[in-house]
Every structure is written in C-alpha cells, then in structure tokens.
Amino acid sequence: MYYTYILKSVNYSKTYTGITNNLTRRLNQHNNGYQFYTRKYKPWVMIHSEILGNRIEARKREKYFKSCAGRKWIKKSFFPN
C-alpha cells in the first residue's frame, strides 16, 4: 500500500507533494530536515493524503498533483481565496 500526500508549510505559502509507504515516518523526515527542499520551509502539516494500491498508481497521482490541473485543484480545494 502506498500513499500520495500533500504537505503545507506552516510559516510559508509552500506546498509539497510526494509518495510514501509510511505517512508518519515521511512527515517526520520532512519536519526533521532530512529532505533538501522541505528543510527550508519547515514545519510542515499534512493537508491531504490518498491510499493507492501500489507505487505506480501513487506515482501517477503524484504527477497529476504536480501538473497544472493538479496545482489548480490543490489551490481550489485548500486555498479558496
């Protein structure tokens, strides 16, 4: 089982999308500075996650969220202003 997730920085107007097989561990990695991009904008909160059957499906969903249409969906769903 894999997850696609979206994080939001608490202090900055940044989001991050990724995939993992362990949501708790992955969020801790982001908040503890183990990832290059996310360490600059920590702390992070998870605003969305989806369970997918395998890594390939999770990667497809991640690519959608990173596409123009996916970014628009994220903005409309979580940042309505």
C-alpha atoms as a PDB file:
ATOM      1  CA  MET A   1       0.000   0.000   0.000  1.00  0.00           C
ATOM      2  CA  TYR A   2       1.314   3.440  -0.964  1.00  0.00           C
ATOM      3  CA  TYR A   3       0.168   6.950  -0.230  1.00  0.00           C
ATOM      4  CA  THR A   4       0.256  10.175  -2.185  1.00  0.00           C
ATOM      5  CA  TYR A   5       0.374  13.154   0.157  1.00  0.00           C
ATOM      6  CA  ILE A   6       0.334  16.940   0.111  1.00  0.00           C
ATOM      7  CA  LEU A   7       2.100  18.989   2.767  1.00  0.00           C
ATOM      8  CA  LYS A   8       1.707  22.671   3.552  1.00  0.00           C
ATOM      9  CA  SER A   9       4.357  24.771   5.222  1.00  0.00           C
ATOM     10  CA  VAL A  10       3.116  26.367   8.452  1.00  0.00           C
ATOM     11  CA  ASN A  11       5.187  29.540   8.023  1.00  0.00           C
ATOM     12  CA  TYR A  12       5.401  29.939   4.230  1.00  0.00           C
ATOM     13  CA  SER A  13       2.984  29.703   1.324  1.00  0.00           C
ATOM     14  CA  LYS A  14       4.583  26.491   0.037  1.00  0.00           C
ATOM     15  CA  THR A  15       3.204  23.038  -0.640  1.00  0.00           C
ATOM     16  CA  TYR A  16       4.990  19.766  -1.266  1.00  0.00           C
ATOM     17  CA  THR A  17       3.624  16.634  -2.930  1.00  0.00           C
ATOM     18  CA  GLY A  18       5.159  13.176  -2.602  1.00  0.00           C
ATOM     19  CA  ILE A  19       4.607   9.438  -2.235  1.00  0.00           C
ATOM     20  CA  THR A  20       5.483   7.040   0.569  1.00  0.00           C
ATOM     21  CA  ASN A  21       4.558   3.736   2.132  1.00  0.00           C
ATOM     22  CA  ASN A  22       4.645   5.213   5.680  1.00  0.00           C
ATOM     23  CA  LEU A  23       2.990   8.611   6.186  1.00  0.00           C
ATOM     24  CA  THR A  24       4.094   9.181   9.780  1.00  0.00           C
ATOM     25  CA  ARG A  25       7.746   8.425   9.086  1.00  0.00           C
ATOM     26  CA  ARG A  26       7.746  10.584   5.958  1.00  0.00           C
ATOM     27  CA  LEU A  27       6.201  13.614   7.685  1.00  0.00           C
ATOM     28  CA  ASN A  28       8.802  13.287  10.460  1.00  0.00           C
ATOM     29  CA  GLN A  29      11.576  13.192   7.850  1.00  0.00           C
ATOM     30  CA  HIS A  30      10.305  16.424   6.320  1.00  0.00           C
ATOM     31  CA  ASN A  31       9.952  18.157   9.690  1.00  0.00           C
ATOM     32  CA  ASN A  32      13.366  16.983  10.930  1.00  0.00           C
ATOM     33  CA  GLY A  33      15.213  18.388   7.921  1.00  0.00           C
ATOM     34  CA  TYR A  34      16.144  15.169   6.115  1.00  0.00           C
ATOM     35  CA  GLN A  35      14.855  16.437   2.757  1.00  0.00           C
ATOM     36  CA  PHE A  36      16.724  19.215   0.946  1.00  0.00           C
ATOM     37  CA  TYR A  37      13.754  21.201  -0.398  1.00  0.00           C
ATOM     38  CA  THR A  38      11.480  20.923   2.609  1.00  0.00           C
ATOM     39  CA  ARG A  39      14.049  21.739   5.308  1.00  0.00           C
ATOM     40  CA  LYS A  40      13.980  25.436   4.343  1.00  0.00           C
ATOM     41  CA  TYR A  41      10.234  25.732   4.896  1.00  0.00           C
ATOM     42  CA  LYS A  42       9.572  23.583   7.971  1.00  0.00           C
ATOM     43  CA  PRO A  43       7.449  22.876   9.915  1.00  0.00           C
ATOM     44  CA  TRP A  44       5.004  21.076   7.636  1.00  0.00           C
ATOM     45  CA  VAL A  45       1.462  19.797   8.156  1.00  0.00           C
ATOM     46  CA  MET A  46      -0.250  17.178   6.049  1.00  0.00           C
ATOM     47  CA  ILE A  47      -3.321  18.642   4.356  1.00  0.00           C
ATOM     48  CA  HIS A  48      -4.231  15.688   2.123  1.00  0.00           C
ATOM     49  CA  SER A  49      -3.372  12.026   1.610  1.00  0.00           C
ATOM     50  CA  GLU A  50      -4.718   9.241  -0.577  1.00  0.00           C
ATOM     51  CA  ILE A  51      -4.245   5.486  -0.284  1.00  0.00           C
ATOM     52  CA  LEU A  52      -3.293   3.784  -3.539  1.00  0.00           C
ATOM     53  CA  GLY A  53      -2.736   0.138  -4.341  1.00  0.00           C
ATOM     54  CA  ASN A  54       0.868   0.266  -5.481  1.00  0.00           C
ATOM     55  CA  ARG A  55       3.816   2.548  -6.170  1.00  0.00           C
ATOM     56  CA  ILE A  56       2.948   3.002  -9.854  1.00  0.00           C
ATOM     57  CA  GLU A  57      -0.569   4.258  -9.058  1.00  0.00           C
ATOM     58  CA  ALA A  58       0.807   6.534  -6.339  1.00  0.00           C
ATOM     59  CA  ARG A  59       3.380   7.977  -8.752  1.00  0.00           C
ATOM     60  CA  LYS A  60       0.684   8.671 -11.368  1.00  0.00           C
ATOM     61  CA  ARG A  61      -1.382  10.526  -8.782  1.00  0.00           C
ATOM     62  CA  GLU A  62       1.675  12.478  -7.614  1.00  0.00           C
ATOM     63  CA  LYS A  63       2.374  13.505 -11.215  1.00  0.00           C
ATOM     64  CA  TYR A  64      -1.230  14.704 -11.529  1.00  0.00           C
ATOM     65  CA  PHE A  65      -0.903  16.867  -8.405  1.00  0.00           C
ATOM     66  CA  LYS A  66       2.284  18.371  -9.849  1.00  0.00           C
ATOM     67  CA  SER A  67       0.619  19.125 -13.211  1.00  0.00           C
ATOM     68  CA  CYS A  68      -1.097  22.417 -13.994  1.00  0.00           C
ATOM     69  CA  ALA A  69      -4.550  20.888 -13.448  1.00  0.00           C
ATOM     70  CA  GLY A  70      -3.436  19.272 -10.194  1.00  0.00           C
ATOM     71  CA  ARG A  71      -1.969  22.504  -8.831  1.00  0.00           C
ATOM     72  CA  LYS A  72      -5.249  24.257  -9.672  1.00  0.00           C
ATOM     73  CA  TRP A  73      -7.184  21.532  -7.815  1.00  0.00           C
ATOM     74  CA  ILE A  74      -4.931  21.910  -4.757  1.00  0.00           C
ATOM     75  CA  LYS A  75      -5.324  25.676  -4.800  1.00  0.00           C
ATOM     76  CA  LYS A  76      -9.120  25.481  -5.189  1.00  0.00           C
ATOM     77  CA  SER A  77      -9.524  22.766  -2.545  1.00  0.00           C
ATOM     78  CA  PHE A  78      -7.200  24.034   0.182  1.00  0.00           C
ATOM     79  CA  PHE A  79      -6.614  27.734  -0.532  1.00  0.00           C
ATOM     80  CA  PRO A  80     -10.003  29.098  -1.678  1.00  0.00           C
ATOM     81  CA  ASN A  81      -9.067  32.798  -1.513  1.00  0.00           C
END
